[in-house]
Amino acid sequence: MTTILLLICSNIFMTIAWYGHLKYRQAPLLLAIVVSWLIAFAEYCFQVPANRIGYGTFTPFQLKVIQEVITLCVFVVFAWVYFGERMRWNHAVSCLFLVGAVAFAFWGKL
């Protein structure tokens, strides 16, 4: 559970670093890059411990698949709250396929 919580925190920072600047396109690109790197540092402060703690309980492949689904979930909420975007049916189907990928990645442990 610690790994999952740390990955959620990590992905919140990552999503802000990657997409938060899009609302401020008038800001200089160099400023957007520097601010994004500063935010990404916080992301790494959660991501590195998450993977270190999780490795052994999870395989590297499982960690990656978990991280991708968390990234998608965090992004869906971020896009809705920050940009006012709505999820369309094809986005929902894509999410279901990724959840299926997680289930498939853990199939050997069931």
PDB file of N, CA and C in Angstrom:
ATOM      1  N   MET A   1       0.825  -1.198   0.000  1.00  0.00           N
ATOM      2  CA  MET A   1       0.000   0.000   0.000  1.00  0.00           C
ATOM      3  C   MET A   1       0.869   1.262   0.000  1.00  0.00           C
ATOM      4  N   THR A   2       2.001   1.206   0.686  1.00  0.00           N
ATOM      5  CA  THR A   2       2.916   2.347   0.707  1.00  0.00           C
ATOM      6  C   THR A   2       3.376   2.679  -0.700  1.00  0.00           C
ATOM      7  N   THR A   3       3.718   1.662  -1.461  1.00  0.00           N
ATOM      8  CA  THR A   3       4.164   1.873  -2.837  1.00  0.00           C
ATOM      9  C   THR A   3       3.092   2.585  -3.648  1.00  0.00           C
ATOM     10  N   ILE A   4       1.870   2.141  -3.535  1.00  0.00           N
ATOM     11  CA  ILE A   4       0.771   2.729  -4.295  1.00  0.00           C
ATOM     12  C   ILE A   4       0.559   4.192  -3.896  1.00  0.00           C
ATOM     13  N   LEU A   5       0.556   4.473  -2.605  1.00  0.00           N
ATOM     14  CA  LEU A   5       0.364   5.856  -2.141  1.00  0.00           C
ATOM     15  C   LEU A   5       1.491   6.771  -2.614  1.00  0.00           C
ATOM     16  N   LEU A   6       2.717   6.270  -2.553  1.00  0.00           N
ATOM     17  CA  LEU A   6       3.844   7.069  -3.039  1.00  0.00           C
ATOM     18  C   LEU A   6       3.758   7.298  -4.543  1.00  0.00           C
ATOM     19  N   LEU A   7       3.331   6.283  -5.281  1.00  0.00           N
ATOM     20  CA  LEU A   7       3.171   6.450  -6.726  1.00  0.00           C
ATOM     21  C   LEU A   7       2.061   7.442  -7.059  1.00  0.00           C
ATOM     22  N   ILE A   8       1.002   7.457  -6.281  1.00  0.00           N
ATOM     23  CA  ILE A   8      -0.061   8.445  -6.496  1.00  0.00           C
ATOM     24  C   ILE A   8       0.492   9.851  -6.287  1.00  0.00           C
ATOM     25  N   CYS A   9       1.208  10.067  -5.177  1.00  0.00           N
ATOM     26  CA  CYS A   9       1.818  11.382  -4.922  1.00  0.00           C
ATOM     27  C   CYS A   9       2.777  11.759  -6.049  1.00  0.00           C
ATOM     28  N   SER A  10       3.603  10.820  -6.444  1.00  0.00           N
ATOM     29  CA  SER A  10       4.561  11.043  -7.523  1.00  0.00           C
ATOM     30  C   SER A  10       3.855  11.484  -8.799  1.00  0.00           C
ATOM     31  N   ASN A  11       2.784  10.801  -9.137  1.00  0.00           N
ATOM     32  CA  ASN A  11       2.082  11.101 -10.377  1.00  0.00           C
ATOM     33  C   ASN A  11       1.324  12.414 -10.331  1.00  0.00           C
ATOM     34  N   ILE A  12       0.900  12.837  -9.171  1.00  0.00           N
ATOM     35  CA  ILE A  12       0.284  14.158  -9.058  1.00  0.00           C
ATOM     36  C   ILE A  12       1.301  15.225  -9.443  1.00  0.00           C
ATOM     37  N   PHE A  13       2.499  15.134  -8.868  1.00  0.00           N
ATOM     38  CA  PHE A  13       3.545  16.102  -9.213  1.00  0.00           C
ATOM     39  C   PHE A  13       3.954  15.990 -10.683  1.00  0.00           C
ATOM     40  N   MET A  14       4.068  14.767 -11.184  1.00  0.00           N
ATOM     41  CA  MET A  14       4.471  14.571 -12.571  1.00  0.00           C
ATOM     42  C   MET A  14       3.466  15.196 -13.531  1.00  0.00           C
ATOM     43  N   THR A  15       2.192  14.982 -13.264  1.00  0.00           N
ATOM     44  CA  THR A  15       1.152  15.524 -14.134  1.00  0.00           C
ATOM     45  C   THR A  15       1.169  17.049 -14.119  1.00  0.00           C
ATOM     46  N   ILE A  16       1.342  17.626 -12.950  1.00  0.00           N
ATOM     47  CA  ILE A  16       1.435  19.092 -12.858  1.00  0.00           C
ATOM     48  C   ILE A  16       2.656  19.591 -13.622  1.00  0.00           C
ATOM     49  N   ALA A  17       3.786  18.906 -13.469  1.00  0.00           N
ATOM     50  CA  ALA A  17       5.013  19.324 -14.162  1.00  0.00           C
ATOM     51  C   ALA A  17       4.856  19.221 -15.674  1.00  0.00           C
ATOM     52  N   TRP A  18       4.216  18.173 -16.149  1.00  0.00           N
ATOM     53  CA  TRP A  18       4.111  17.939 -17.591  1.00  0.00           C
ATOM     54  C   TRP A  18       3.038  18.789 -18.262  1.00  0.00           C
ATOM     55  N   TYR A  19       1.921  19.030 -17.553  1.00  0.00           N
ATOM     56  CA  TYR A  19       0.779  19.660 -18.208  1.00  0.00           C
ATOM     57  C   TYR A  19       0.326  20.979 -17.589  1.00  0.00           C
ATOM     58  N   GLY A  20       0.765  21.289 -16.389  1.00  0.00           N
ATOM     59  CA  GLY A  20       0.314  22.501 -15.708  1.00  0.00           C
ATOM     60  C   GLY A  20       0.648  23.779 -16.456  1.00  0.00           C
ATOM     61  N   HIS A  21       1.763  23.801 -17.139  1.00  0.00           N
ATOM     62  CA  HIS A  21       2.198  25.006 -17.850  1.00  0.00           C
ATOM     63  C   HIS A  21       1.367  25.307 -19.097  1.00  0.00           C
ATOM     64  N   LEU A  22       0.559  24.360 -19.543  1.00  0.00           N
ATOM     65  CA  LEU A  22      -0.198  24.569 -20.780  1.00  0.00           C
ATOM     66  C   LEU A  22      -1.211  25.709 -20.670  1.00  0.00           C
ATOM     67  N   LYS A  23      -1.656  26.000 -19.454  1.00  0.00           N
ATOM     68  CA  LYS A  23      -2.560  27.127 -19.251  1.00  0.00           C
ATOM     69  C   LYS A  23      -1.822  28.465 -19.336  1.00  0.00           C
ATOM     70  N   TYR A  24      -0.526  28.436 -19.304  1.00  0.00           N
ATOM     71  CA  TYR A  24       0.281  29.659 -19.267  1.00  0.00           C
ATOM     72  C   TYR A  24       1.192  29.728 -20.491  1.00  0.00           C
ATOM     73  N   ARG A  25       0.614  29.563 -21.641  1.00  0.00           N
ATOM     74  CA  ARG A  25       1.399  29.540 -22.880  1.00  0.00           C
ATOM     75  C   ARG A  25       2.083  30.870 -23.160  1.00  0.00           C
ATOM     76  N   GLN A  26       1.596  31.954 -22.532  1.00  0.00           N
ATOM     77  CA  GLN A  26       2.225  33.249 -22.733  1.00  0.00           C
ATOM     78  C   GLN A  26       3.525  33.381 -21.935  1.00  0.00           C
ATOM     79  N   ALA A  27       3.731  32.521 -20.952  1.00  0.00           N
ATOM     80  CA  ALA A  27       4.973  32.544 -20.168  1.00  0.00           C
ATOM     81  C   ALA A  27       6.121  32.059 -21.054  1.00  0.00           C
ATOM     82  N   PRO A  28       7.314  32.582 -20.828  1.00  0.00           N
ATOM     83  CA  PRO A  28       8.468  32.138 -21.624  1.00  0.00           C
ATOM     84  C   PRO A  28       8.700  30.630 -21.472  1.00  0.00           C
ATOM     85  N   LEU A  29       9.067  29.999 -22.564  1.00  0.00           N
ATOM     86  CA  LEU A  29       9.293  28.553 -22.569  1.00  0.00           C
ATOM     87  C   LEU A  29      10.361  28.156 -21.553  1.00  0.00           C
ATOM     88  N   LEU A  30      11.426  28.930 -21.461  1.00  0.00           N
ATOM     89  CA  LEU A  30      12.489  28.609 -20.508  1.00  0.00           C
ATOM     90  C   LEU A  30      11.962  28.602 -19.075  1.00  0.00           C
ATOM     91  N   LEU A  31      11.095  29.542 -18.741  1.00  0.00           N
ATOM     92  CA  LEU A  31      10.495  29.580 -17.399  1.00  0.00           C
ATOM     93  C   LEU A  31       9.643  28.331 -17.171  1.00  0.00           C
ATOM     94  N   ALA A  32       8.862  27.950 -18.164  1.00  0.00           N
ATOM     95  CA  ALA A  32       8.028  26.751 -18.048  1.00  0.00           C
ATOM     96  C   ALA A  32       8.892  25.514 -17.823  1.00  0.00           C
ATOM     97  N   ILE A  33      10.019  25.447 -18.517  1.00  0.00           N
ATOM     98  CA  ILE A  33      10.924  24.301 -18.362  1.00  0.00           C
ATOM     99  C   ILE A  33      11.511  24.267 -16.960  1.00  0.00           C
ATOM    100  N   VAL A  34      11.993  25.390 -16.478  1.00  0.00           N
ATOM    101  CA  VAL A  34      12.624  25.437 -15.150  1.00  0.00           C
ATOM    102  C   VAL A  34      11.610  25.116 -14.057  1.00  0.00           C
ATOM    103  N   VAL A  35      10.426  25.715 -14.129  1.00  0.00           N
ATOM    104  CA  VAL A  35       9.396  25.433 -13.115  1.00  0.00           C
ATOM    105  C   VAL A  35       8.994  23.962 -13.176  1.00  0.00           C
ATOM    106  N   SER A  36       8.851  23.425 -14.383  1.00  0.00           N
ATOM    107  CA  SER A  36       8.494  22.006 -14.518  1.00  0.00           C
ATOM    108  C   SER A  36       9.568  21.104 -13.919  1.00  0.00           C
ATOM    109  N   TRP A  37      10.822  21.446 -14.107  1.00  0.00           N
ATOM    110  CA  TRP A  37      11.909  20.648 -13.525  1.00  0.00           C
ATOM    111  C   TRP A  37      11.877  20.708 -11.997  1.00  0.00           C
ATOM    112  N   LEU A  38      11.569  21.855 -11.457  1.00  0.00           N
ATOM    113  CA  LEU A  38      11.479  21.975 -10.001  1.00  0.00           C
ATOM    114  C   LEU A  38      10.339  21.115  -9.452  1.00  0.00           C
ATOM    115  N   ILE A  39       9.224  21.126 -10.148  1.00  0.00           N
ATOM    116  CA  ILE A  39       8.091  20.284  -9.737  1.00  0.00           C
ATOM    117  C   ILE A  39       8.448  18.814  -9.917  1.00  0.00           C
ATOM    118  N   ALA A  40       9.146  18.495 -10.995  1.00  0.00           N
ATOM    119  CA  ALA A  40       9.538  17.105 -11.251  1.00  0.00           C
ATOM    120  C   ALA A  40      10.483  16.583 -10.176  1.00  0.00           C
ATOM    121  N   PHE A  41      11.274  17.459  -9.570  1.00  0.00           N
ATOM    122  CA  PHE A  41      12.136  17.023  -8.471  1.00  0.00           C
ATOM    123  C   PHE A  41      11.289  16.440  -7.338  1.00  0.00           C
ATOM    124  N   ALA A  42      10.182  17.105  -7.017  1.00  0.00           N
ATOM    125  CA  ALA A  42       9.275  16.579  -5.985  1.00  0.00           C
ATOM    126  C   ALA A  42       8.713  15.229  -6.414  1.00  0.00           C
ATOM    127  N   GLU A  43       8.421  15.102  -7.704  1.00  0.00           N
ATOM    128  CA  GLU A  43       7.919  13.825  -8.225  1.00  0.00           C
ATOM    129  C   GLU A  43       8.909  12.708  -7.969  1.00  0.00           C
ATOM    130  N   TYR A  44      10.169  12.958  -8.240  1.00  0.00           N
ATOM    131  CA  TYR A  44      11.199  11.941  -8.026  1.00  0.00           C
ATOM    132  C   TYR A  44      11.381  11.591  -6.554  1.00  0.00           C
ATOM    133  N   CYS A  45      11.125  12.558  -5.689  1.00  0.00           N
ATOM    134  CA  CYS A  45      11.234  12.300  -4.242  1.00  0.00           C
ATOM    135  C   CYS A  45      10.195  11.290  -3.770  1.00  0.00           C
ATOM    136  N   PHE A  46       9.129  11.118  -4.511  1.00  0.00           N
ATOM    137  CA  PHE A  46       8.126  10.092  -4.196  1.00  0.00           C
ATOM    138  C   PHE A  46       8.317   8.841  -5.056  1.00  0.00           C
ATOM    139  N   GLN A  47       8.682   9.030  -6.310  1.00  0.00           N
ATOM    140  CA  GLN A  47       8.768   7.904  -7.244  1.00  0.00           C
ATOM    141  C   GLN A  47       9.902   6.948  -6.903  1.00  0.00           C
ATOM    142  N   VAL A  48      11.073   7.469  -6.587  1.00  0.00           N
ATOM    143  CA  VAL A  48      12.221   6.605  -6.299  1.00  0.00           C
ATOM    144  C   VAL A  48      11.955   5.728  -5.065  1.00  0.00           C
ATOM    145  N   PRO A  49      11.498   6.308  -3.949  1.00  0.00           N
ATOM    146  CA  PRO A  49      11.177   5.436  -2.805  1.00  0.00           C
ATOM    147  C   PRO A  49      10.049   4.448  -3.114  1.00  0.00           C
ATOM    148  N   ALA A  50       9.070   4.873  -3.905  1.00  0.00           N
ATOM    149  CA  ALA A  50       7.968   3.960  -4.247  1.00  0.00           C
ATOM    150  C   ALA A  50       8.488   2.715  -4.938  1.00  0.00           C
ATOM    151  N   ASN A  51       9.363   2.905  -5.912  1.00  0.00           N
ATOM    152  CA  ASN A  51       9.895   1.753  -6.636  1.00  0.00           C
ATOM    153  C   ASN A  51      10.854   0.938  -5.787  1.00  0.00           C
ATOM    154  N   ARG A  52      11.634   1.591  -4.955  1.00  0.00           N
ATOM    155  CA  ARG A  52      12.544   0.830  -4.071  1.00  0.00           C
ATOM    156  C   ARG A  52      11.771  -0.008  -3.070  1.00  0.00           C
ATOM    157  N   ILE A  53      10.729   0.578  -2.497  1.00  0.00           N
ATOM    158  CA  ILE A  53       9.911  -0.153  -1.516  1.00  0.00           C
ATOM    159  C   ILE A  53       9.132  -1.269  -2.221  1.00  0.00           C
ATOM    160  N   GLY A  54       8.604  -0.961  -3.404  1.00  0.00           N
ATOM    161  CA  GLY A  54       7.754  -1.921  -4.104  1.00  0.00           C
ATOM    162  C   GLY A  54       8.491  -3.067  -4.761  1.00  0.00           C
ATOM    163  N   TYR A  55       9.771  -2.841  -5.118  1.00  0.00           N
ATOM    164  CA  TYR A  55      10.521  -3.891  -5.801  1.00  0.00           C
ATOM    165  C   TYR A  55      10.752  -5.061  -4.843  1.00  0.00           C
ATOM    166  N   GLY A  56      10.390  -6.213  -5.283  1.00  0.00           N
ATOM    167  CA  GLY A  56      10.464  -7.412  -4.444  1.00  0.00           C
ATOM    168  C   GLY A  56       9.057  -7.909  -4.190  1.00  0.00           C
ATOM    169  N   THR A  57       8.187  -6.984  -3.769  1.00  0.00           N
ATOM    170  CA  THR A  57       6.770  -7.319  -3.679  1.00  0.00           C
ATOM    171  C   THR A  57       6.198  -7.397  -5.089  1.00  0.00           C
ATOM    172  N   PHE A  58       6.623  -6.446  -5.922  1.00  0.00           N
ATOM    173  CA  PHE A  58       6.209  -6.391  -7.320  1.00  0.00           C
ATOM    174  C   PHE A  58       7.435  -6.555  -8.205  1.00  0.00           C
ATOM    175  N   THR A  59       7.230  -7.092  -9.384  1.00  0.00           N
ATOM    176  CA  THR A  59       8.307  -7.149 -10.371  1.00  0.00           C
ATOM    177  C   THR A  59       8.425  -5.770 -11.017  1.00  0.00           C
ATOM    178  N   PRO A  60       9.545  -5.485 -11.693  1.00  0.00           N
ATOM    179  CA  PRO A  60       9.642  -4.195 -12.398  1.00  0.00           C
ATOM    180  C   PRO A  60       8.516  -3.992 -13.420  1.00  0.00           C
ATOM    181  N   PHE A  61       8.115  -5.049 -14.106  1.00  0.00           N
ATOM    182  CA  PHE A  61       7.016  -4.925 -15.063  1.00  0.00           C
ATOM    183  C   PHE A  61       5.720  -4.551 -14.357  1.00  0.00           C
ATOM    184  N   GLN A  62       5.454  -5.190 -13.227  1.00  0.00           N
ATOM    185  CA  GLN A  62       4.244  -4.873 -12.475  1.00  0.00           C
ATOM    186  C   GLN A  62       4.281  -3.444 -11.941  1.00  0.00           C
ATOM    187  N   LEU A  63       5.429  -3.009 -11.448  1.00  0.00           N
ATOM    188  CA  LEU A  63       5.557  -1.629 -10.982  1.00  0.00           C
ATOM    189  C   LEU A  63       5.241  -0.644 -12.102  1.00  0.00           C
ATOM    190  N   LYS A  64       5.748  -0.926 -13.291  1.00  0.00           N
ATOM    191  CA  LYS A  64       5.521  -0.027 -14.423  1.00  0.00           C
ATOM    192  C   LYS A  64       4.056   0.012 -14.821  1.00  0.00           C
ATOM    193  N   VAL A  65       3.405  -1.131 -14.865  1.00  0.00           N
ATOM    194  CA  VAL A  65       2.004  -1.176 -15.248  1.00  0.00           C
ATOM    195  C   VAL A  65       1.145  -0.474 -14.196  1.00  0.00           C
ATOM    196  N   ILE A  66       1.435  -0.693 -12.922  1.00  0.00           N
ATOM    197  CA  ILE A  66       0.724   0.010 -11.846  1.00  0.00           C
ATOM    198  C   ILE A  66       0.896   1.516 -12.011  1.00  0.00           C
ATOM    199  N   GLN A  67       2.129   1.932 -12.249  1.00  0.00           N
ATOM    200  CA  GLN A  67       2.423   3.358 -12.400  1.00  0.00           C
ATOM    201  C   GLN A  67       1.656   3.954 -13.568  1.00  0.00           C
ATOM    202  N   GLU A  68       1.543   3.237 -14.668  1.00  0.00           N
ATOM    203  CA  GLU A  68       0.842   3.762 -15.835  1.00  0.00           C
ATOM    204  C   GLU A  68      -0.644   3.950 -15.564  1.00  0.00           C
ATOM    205  N   VAL A  69      -1.250   3.004 -14.871  1.00  0.00           N
ATOM    206  CA  VAL A  69      -2.674   3.137 -14.558  1.00  0.00           C
ATOM    207  C   VAL A  69      -2.897   4.290 -13.578  1.00  0.00           C
ATOM    208  N   ILE A  70      -2.016   4.417 -12.592  1.00  0.00           N
ATOM    209  CA  ILE A  70      -2.119   5.548 -11.665  1.00  0.00           C
ATOM    210  C   ILE A  70      -1.957   6.856 -12.426  1.00  0.00           C
ATOM    211  N   THR A  71      -1.003   6.906 -13.346  1.00  0.00           N
ATOM    212  CA  THR A  71      -0.798   8.106 -14.153  1.00  0.00           C
ATOM    213  C   THR A  71      -2.074   8.478 -14.898  1.00  0.00           C
ATOM    214  N   LEU A  72      -2.706   7.501 -15.500  1.00  0.00           N
ATOM    215  CA  LEU A  72      -3.929   7.762 -16.239  1.00  0.00           C
ATOM    216  C   LEU A  72      -5.037   8.269 -15.322  1.00  0.00           C
ATOM    217  N   CYS A  73      -5.213   7.634 -14.177  1.00  0.00           N
ATOM    218  CA  CYS A  73      -6.260   8.055 -13.233  1.00  0.00           C
ATOM    219  C   CYS A  73      -6.018   9.476 -12.740  1.00  0.00           C
ATOM    220  N   VAL A  74      -4.783   9.767 -12.388  1.00  0.00           N
ATOM    221  CA  VAL A  74      -4.435  11.117 -11.931  1.00  0.00           C
ATOM    222  C   VAL A  74      -4.684  12.119 -13.061  1.00  0.00           C
ATOM    223  N   PHE A  75      -4.289  11.762 -14.277  1.00  0.00           N
ATOM    224  CA  PHE A  75      -4.476  12.682 -15.400  1.00  0.00           C
ATOM    225  C   PHE A  75      -5.942  12.952 -15.678  1.00  0.00           C
ATOM    226  N   VAL A  76      -6.782  11.928 -15.585  1.00  0.00           N
ATOM    227  CA  VAL A  76      -8.221  12.110 -15.821  1.00  0.00           C
ATOM    228  C   VAL A  76      -8.783  13.148 -14.859  1.00  0.00           C
ATOM    229  N   VAL A  77      -8.450  13.024 -13.591  1.00  0.00           N
ATOM    230  CA  VAL A  77      -8.924  13.986 -12.590  1.00  0.00           C
ATOM    231  C   VAL A  77      -8.332  15.371 -12.867  1.00  0.00           C
ATOM    232  N   PHE A  78      -7.040  15.427 -13.159  1.00  0.00           N
ATOM    233  CA  PHE A  78      -6.367  16.696 -13.440  1.00  0.00           C
ATOM    234  C   PHE A  78      -6.998  17.401 -14.647  1.00  0.00           C
ATOM    235  N   ALA A  79      -7.218  16.665 -15.726  1.00  0.00           N
ATOM    236  CA  ALA A  79      -7.793  17.256 -16.934  1.00  0.00           C
ATOM    237  C   ALA A  79      -9.196  17.795 -16.658  1.00  0.00           C
ATOM    238  N   TRP A  80      -9.934  17.100 -15.830  1.00  0.00           N
ATOM    239  CA  TRP A  80     -11.289  17.522 -15.489  1.00  0.00           C
ATOM    240  C   TRP A  80     -11.261  18.773 -14.607  1.00  0.00           C
ATOM    241  N   VAL A  81     -10.449  18.746 -13.550  1.00  0.00           N
ATOM    242  CA  VAL A  81     -10.403  19.854 -12.599  1.00  0.00           C
ATOM    243  C   VAL A  81      -9.675  21.069 -13.178  1.00  0.00           C
ATOM    244  N   TYR A  82      -8.519  20.868 -13.760  1.00  0.00           N
ATOM    245  CA  TYR A  82      -7.644  21.963 -14.177  1.00  0.00           C
ATOM    246  C   TYR A  82      -8.034  22.560 -15.534  1.00  0.00           C
ATOM    247  N   PHE A  83      -8.407  21.696 -16.476  1.00  0.00           N
ATOM    248  CA  PHE A  83      -8.730  22.153 -17.823  1.00  0.00           C
ATOM    249  C   PHE A  83     -10.220  22.141 -18.143  1.00  0.00           C
ATOM    250  N   GLY A  84     -11.018  21.537 -17.278  1.00  0.00           N
ATOM    251  CA  GLY A  84     -12.441  21.432 -17.553  1.00  0.00           C
ATOM    252  C   GLY A  84     -12.769  20.432 -18.649  1.00  0.00           C
ATOM    253  N   GLU A  85     -11.839  19.521 -18.929  1.00  0.00           N
ATOM    254  CA  GLU A  85     -12.038  18.501 -19.968  1.00  0.00           C
ATOM    255  C   GLU A  85     -12.959  17.404 -19.443  1.00  0.00           C
ATOM    256  N   ARG A  86     -13.709  16.831 -20.336  1.00  0.00           N
ATOM    257  CA  ARG A  86     -14.575  15.705 -20.005  1.00  0.00           C
ATOM    258  C   ARG A  86     -14.051  14.456 -20.699  1.00  0.00           C
ATOM    259  N   MET A  87     -14.213  13.327 -20.041  1.00  0.00           N
ATOM    260  CA  MET A  87     -13.782  12.063 -20.638  1.00  0.00           C
ATOM    261  C   MET A  87     -14.835  11.620 -21.651  1.00  0.00           C
ATOM    262  N   ARG A  88     -14.383  11.279 -22.836  1.00  0.00           N
ATOM    263  CA  ARG A  88     -15.272  10.767 -23.869  1.00  0.00           C
ATOM    264  C   ARG A  88     -15.268   9.244 -23.829  1.00  0.00           C
ATOM    265  N   TRP A  89     -16.168   8.643 -24.574  1.00  0.00           N
ATOM    266  CA  TRP A  89     -16.319   7.191 -24.522  1.00  0.00           C
ATOM    267  C   TRP A  89     -15.032   6.473 -24.919  1.00  0.00           C
ATOM    268  N   ASN A  90     -14.319   6.984 -25.919  1.00  0.00           N
ATOM    269  CA  ASN A  90     -13.095   6.312 -26.358  1.00  0.00           C
ATOM    270  C   ASN A  90     -11.992   6.434 -25.302  1.00  0.00           C
ATOM    271  N   HIS A  91     -12.002   7.506 -24.525  1.00  0.00           N
ATOM    272  CA  HIS A  91     -11.048   7.635 -23.419  1.00  0.00           C
ATOM    273  C   HIS A  91     -11.383   6.600 -22.339  1.00  0.00           C
ATOM    274  N   ALA A  92     -12.661   6.427 -22.059  1.00  0.00           N
ATOM    275  CA  ALA A  92     -13.078   5.449 -21.045  1.00  0.00           C
ATOM    276  C   ALA A  92     -12.690   4.032 -21.468  1.00  0.00           C
ATOM    277  N   VAL A  93     -12.869   3.713 -22.730  1.00  0.00           N
ATOM    278  CA  VAL A  93     -12.489   2.382 -23.223  1.00  0.00           C
ATOM    279  C   VAL A  93     -10.981   2.193 -23.096  1.00  0.00           C
ATOM    280  N   SER A  94     -10.216   3.227 -23.404  1.00  0.00           N
ATOM    281  CA  SER A  94      -8.760   3.157 -23.248  1.00  0.00           C
ATOM    282  C   SER A  94      -8.386   2.874 -21.798  1.00  0.00           C
ATOM    283  N   CYS A  95      -9.066   3.537 -20.876  1.00  0.00           N
ATOM    284  CA  CYS A  95      -8.811   3.305 -19.446  1.00  0.00           C
ATOM    285  C   CYS A  95      -9.095   1.854 -19.073  1.00  0.00           C
ATOM    286  N   LEU A  96     -10.184   1.331 -19.578  1.00  0.00           N
ATOM    287  CA  LEU A  96     -10.524  -0.063 -19.279  1.00  0.00           C
ATOM    288  C   LEU A  96      -9.461  -1.023 -19.805  1.00  0.00           C
ATOM    289  N   PHE A  97      -8.928  -0.734 -20.979  1.00  0.00           N
ATOM    290  CA  PHE A  97      -7.854  -1.578 -21.513  1.00  0.00           C
ATOM    291  C   PHE A  97      -6.620  -1.531 -20.615  1.00  0.00           C
ATOM    292  N   LEU A  98      -6.306  -0.366 -20.078  1.00  0.00           N
ATOM    293  CA  LEU A  98      -5.149  -0.267 -19.180  1.00  0.00           C
ATOM    294  C   LEU A  98      -5.394  -1.002 -17.866  1.00  0.00           C
ATOM    295  N   VAL A  99      -6.600  -0.914 -17.351  1.00  0.00           N
ATOM    296  CA  VAL A  99      -6.928  -1.684 -16.146  1.00  0.00           C
ATOM    297  C   VAL A  99      -6.813  -3.173 -16.460  1.00  0.00           C
ATOM    298  N   GLY A 100      -7.245  -3.558 -17.633  1.00  0.00           N
ATOM    299  CA  GLY A 100      -7.075  -4.952 -18.066  1.00  0.00           C
ATOM    300  C   GLY A 100      -5.616  -5.342 -18.152  1.00  0.00           C
ATOM    301  N   ALA A 101      -4.765  -4.413 -18.580  1.00  0.00           N
ATOM    302  CA  ALA A 101      -3.324  -4.680 -18.652  1.00  0.00           C
ATOM    303  C   ALA A 101      -2.758  -4.943 -17.265  1.00  0.00           C
ATOM    304  N   VAL A 102      -3.237  -4.211 -16.266  1.00  0.00           N
ATOM    305  CA  VAL A 102      -2.779  -4.448 -14.891  1.00  0.00           C
ATOM    306  C   VAL A 102      -3.193  -5.843 -14.445  1.00  0.00           C
ATOM    307  N   ALA A 103      -4.445  -6.187 -14.675  1.00  0.00           N
ATOM    308  CA  ALA A 103      -4.923  -7.519 -14.296  1.00  0.00           C
ATOM    309  C   ALA A 103      -4.114  -8.588 -15.000  1.00  0.00           C
ATOM    310  N   PHE A 104      -3.829  -8.398 -16.268  1.00  0.00           N
ATOM    311  CA  PHE A 104      -3.054  -9.365 -17.035  1.00  0.00           C
ATOM    312  C   PHE A 104      -1.617  -9.465 -16.515  1.00  0.00           C
ATOM    313  N   ALA A 105      -1.030  -8.327 -16.111  1.00  0.00           N
ATOM    314  CA  ALA A 105       0.341  -8.325 -15.574  1.00  0.00           C
ATOM    315  C   ALA A 105       0.444  -9.127 -14.287  1.00  0.00           C
ATOM    316  N   PHE A 106      -0.657  -9.179 -13.529  1.00  0.00           N
ATOM    317  CA  PHE A 106      -0.652  -9.912 -12.262  1.00  0.00           C
ATOM    318  C   PHE A 106      -1.209 -11.315 -12.416  1.00  0.00           C
ATOM    319  N   TRP A 107      -1.573 -11.724 -13.605  1.00  0.00           N
ATOM    320  CA  TRP A 107      -2.200 -13.015 -13.842  1.00  0.00           C
ATOM    321  C   TRP A 107      -1.391 -14.177 -13.269  1.00  0.00           C
ATOM    322  N   GLY A 108      -0.094 -14.153 -13.403  1.00  0.00           N
ATOM    323  CA  GLY A 108       0.742 -15.244 -12.912  1.00  0.00           C
ATOM    324  C   GLY A 108       0.768 -15.361 -11.399  1.00  0.00           C
ATOM    325  N   LYS A 109       0.396 -14.286 -10.677  1.00  0.00           N
ATOM    326  CA  LYS A 109       0.403 -14.316  -9.215  1.00  0.00           C
ATOM    327  C   LYS A 109      -0.948 -14.718  -8.624  1.00  0.00           C
ATOM    328  N   LEU A 110      -1.975 -14.857  -9.485  1.00  0.00           N
ATOM    329  CA  LEU A 110      -3.304 -15.208  -8.992  1.00  0.00           C
ATOM    330  C   LEU A 110      -3.402 -16.664  -8.662  1.00  0.00           C
TER     331      LEU A 110
END
